[in-house]
């Protein structure tokens, strides 16, 4: 597991404490009942707190999966 994945998995564990760690990489808005608009804001805040980048609120609102968040972070960190 890369450092990015380890850090992002830790964020998902905070945002979705009832989600099994093994399920995190495949987590989606549809598969996680707790992933509502409040959880999305919390997730975006935790990501920004951990990684520092400030995402456009519309971009963060479009995150629908762990993969979406990871992709946005990877793109932003590589920029």
C-alpha atoms as a PDB file:
ATOM      1  CA  UNK A   1       0.000   0.000   0.000  1.00  0.00           C
ATOM      2  CA  UNK A   2       1.402   3.367  -1.007  1.00  0.00           C
ATOM      3  CA  UNK A   3       1.699   6.256   1.421  1.00  0.00           C
ATOM      4  CA  UNK A   4      -1.150   8.008  -0.410  1.00  0.00           C
ATOM      5  CA  UNK A   5      -3.383   4.953  -0.045  1.00  0.00           C
ATOM      6  CA  UNK A   6      -2.498   4.484   3.625  1.00  0.00           C
ATOM      7  CA  UNK A   7      -3.267   8.109   4.424  1.00  0.00           C
ATOM      8  CA  UNK A   8      -6.472   8.116   2.385  1.00  0.00           C
ATOM      9  CA  UNK A   9      -7.610   4.850   3.982  1.00  0.00           C
ATOM     10  CA  UNK A  10      -7.074   6.417   7.415  1.00  0.00           C
ATOM     11  CA  UNK A  11      -9.238   9.365   6.356  1.00  0.00           C
ATOM     12  CA  UNK A  12     -12.006   7.055   5.177  1.00  0.00           C
ATOM     13  CA  UNK A  13     -11.831   5.194   8.515  1.00  0.00           C
ATOM     14  CA  UNK A  14     -12.480   8.492  10.320  1.00  0.00           C
ATOM     15  CA  UNK A  15     -15.222   9.627   7.940  1.00  0.00           C
ATOM     16  CA  UNK A  16     -16.911   6.194   7.849  1.00  0.00           C
ATOM     17  CA  UNK A  17     -16.033   4.397  11.110  1.00  0.00           C
ATOM     18  CA  UNK A  18     -18.413   1.496  10.492  1.00  0.00           C
ATOM     19  CA  UNK A  19     -16.835   0.708   7.111  1.00  0.00           C
ATOM     20  CA  UNK A  20     -14.577  -2.355   7.138  1.00  0.00           C
ATOM     21  CA  UNK A  21     -11.006  -1.383   6.237  1.00  0.00           C
ATOM     22  CA  UNK A  22     -10.863  -4.021   3.505  1.00  0.00           C
ATOM     23  CA  UNK A  23     -13.945  -2.480   1.859  1.00  0.00           C
ATOM     24  CA  UNK A  24     -12.503   1.038   1.743  1.00  0.00           C
ATOM     25  CA  UNK A  25     -10.710   0.810  -1.627  1.00  0.00           C
ATOM     26  CA  UNK A  26     -13.962  -0.225  -3.304  1.00  0.00           C
ATOM     27  CA  UNK A  27     -16.165   2.195  -1.341  1.00  0.00           C
ATOM     28  CA  UNK A  28     -18.673   4.210  -3.328  1.00  0.00           C
ATOM     29  CA  UNK A  29     -21.450   6.597  -2.461  1.00  0.00           C
ATOM     30  CA  UNK A  30     -23.906   3.847  -3.406  1.00  0.00           C
ATOM     31  CA  UNK A  31     -22.240   1.117  -1.334  1.00  0.00           C
ATOM     32  CA  UNK A  32     -21.755   3.150   1.870  1.00  0.00           C
ATOM     33  CA  UNK A  33     -25.079   4.059   3.479  1.00  0.00           C
ATOM     34  CA  UNK A  34     -23.458   6.760   5.624  1.00  0.00           C
ATOM     35  CA  UNK A  35     -22.079   8.599   2.552  1.00  0.00           C
ATOM     36  CA  UNK A  36     -24.532  11.478   2.500  1.00  0.00           C
ATOM     37  CA  UNK A  37     -23.980  15.207   1.880  1.00  0.00           C
ATOM     38  CA  UNK A  38     -22.725  15.789   5.428  1.00  0.00           C
ATOM     39  CA  UNK A  39     -20.276  12.901   5.150  1.00  0.00           C
ATOM     40  CA  UNK A  40     -19.084  14.278   1.798  1.00  0.00           C
ATOM     41  CA  UNK A  41     -18.284  17.645   3.410  1.00  0.00           C
ATOM     42  CA  UNK A  42     -16.538  15.882   6.291  1.00  0.00           C
ATOM     43  CA  UNK A  43     -14.547  13.751   3.865  1.00  0.00           C
ATOM     44  CA  UNK A  44     -13.452  16.808   1.868  1.00  0.00           C
ATOM     45  CA  UNK A  45     -12.397  18.600   5.061  1.00  0.00           C
ATOM     46  CA  UNK A  46     -10.391  15.613   6.265  1.00  0.00           C
ATOM     47  CA  UNK A  47      -8.673  15.287   2.886  1.00  0.00           C
ATOM     48  CA  UNK A  48      -7.739  18.964   2.889  1.00  0.00           C
ATOM     49  CA  UNK A  49      -6.535  18.774   6.479  1.00  0.00           C
ATOM     50  CA  UNK A  50      -4.292  15.794   5.722  1.00  0.00           C
ATOM     51  CA  UNK A  51      -2.982  16.742   2.292  1.00  0.00           C
ATOM     52  CA  UNK A  52      -3.273  20.517   2.267  1.00  0.00           C
ATOM     53  CA  UNK A  53      -4.831  21.091  -1.152  1.00  0.00           C
ATOM     54  CA  UNK A  54      -7.995  23.090  -1.326  1.00  0.00           C
ATOM     55  CA  UNK A  55     -10.437  21.554  -3.761  1.00  0.00           C
ATOM     56  CA  UNK A  56     -13.235  23.383  -5.472  1.00  0.00           C
ATOM     57  CA  UNK A  57     -16.420  22.534  -3.534  1.00  0.00           C
ATOM     58  CA  UNK A  58     -18.094  21.359  -6.747  1.00  0.00           C
ATOM     59  CA  UNK A  59     -15.220  18.968  -7.436  1.00  0.00           C
ATOM     60  CA  UNK A  60     -15.383  17.494  -3.939  1.00  0.00           C
ATOM     61  CA  UNK A  61     -19.166  17.202  -4.200  1.00  0.00           C
ATOM     62  CA  UNK A  62     -18.694  15.064  -7.316  1.00  0.00           C
ATOM     63  CA  UNK A  63     -16.557  12.496  -5.500  1.00  0.00           C
ATOM     64  CA  UNK A  64     -18.564   9.297  -5.635  1.00  0.00           C
ATOM     65  CA  UNK A  65     -15.939   6.754  -4.655  1.00  0.00           C
ATOM     66  CA  UNK A  66     -12.612   6.152  -2.971  1.00  0.00           C
ATOM     67  CA  UNK A  67     -11.158   5.949  -6.484  1.00  0.00           C
ATOM     68  CA  UNK A  68     -12.504   9.439  -7.319  1.00  0.00           C
ATOM     69  CA  UNK A  69     -10.890  10.936  -4.228  1.00  0.00           C
ATOM     70  CA  UNK A  70      -7.620   9.130  -4.868  1.00  0.00           C
ATOM     71  CA  UNK A  71      -7.542  10.251  -8.497  1.00  0.00           C
ATOM     72  CA  UNK A  72      -8.217  13.900  -7.545  1.00  0.00           C
ATOM     73  CA  UNK A  73      -5.478  13.789  -4.924  1.00  0.00           C
ATOM     74  CA  UNK A  74      -2.960  12.147  -7.233  1.00  0.00           C
ATOM     75  CA  UNK A  75      -3.632  14.742  -9.928  1.00  0.00           C
ATOM     76  CA  UNK A  76      -3.383  17.611  -7.480  1.00  0.00           C
ATOM     77  CA  UNK A  77      -0.240  16.349  -5.785  1.00  0.00           C
ATOM     78  CA  UNK A  78       1.489  15.737  -9.115  1.00  0.00           C
ATOM     79  CA  UNK A  79       0.658  19.245 -10.361  1.00  0.00           C
END
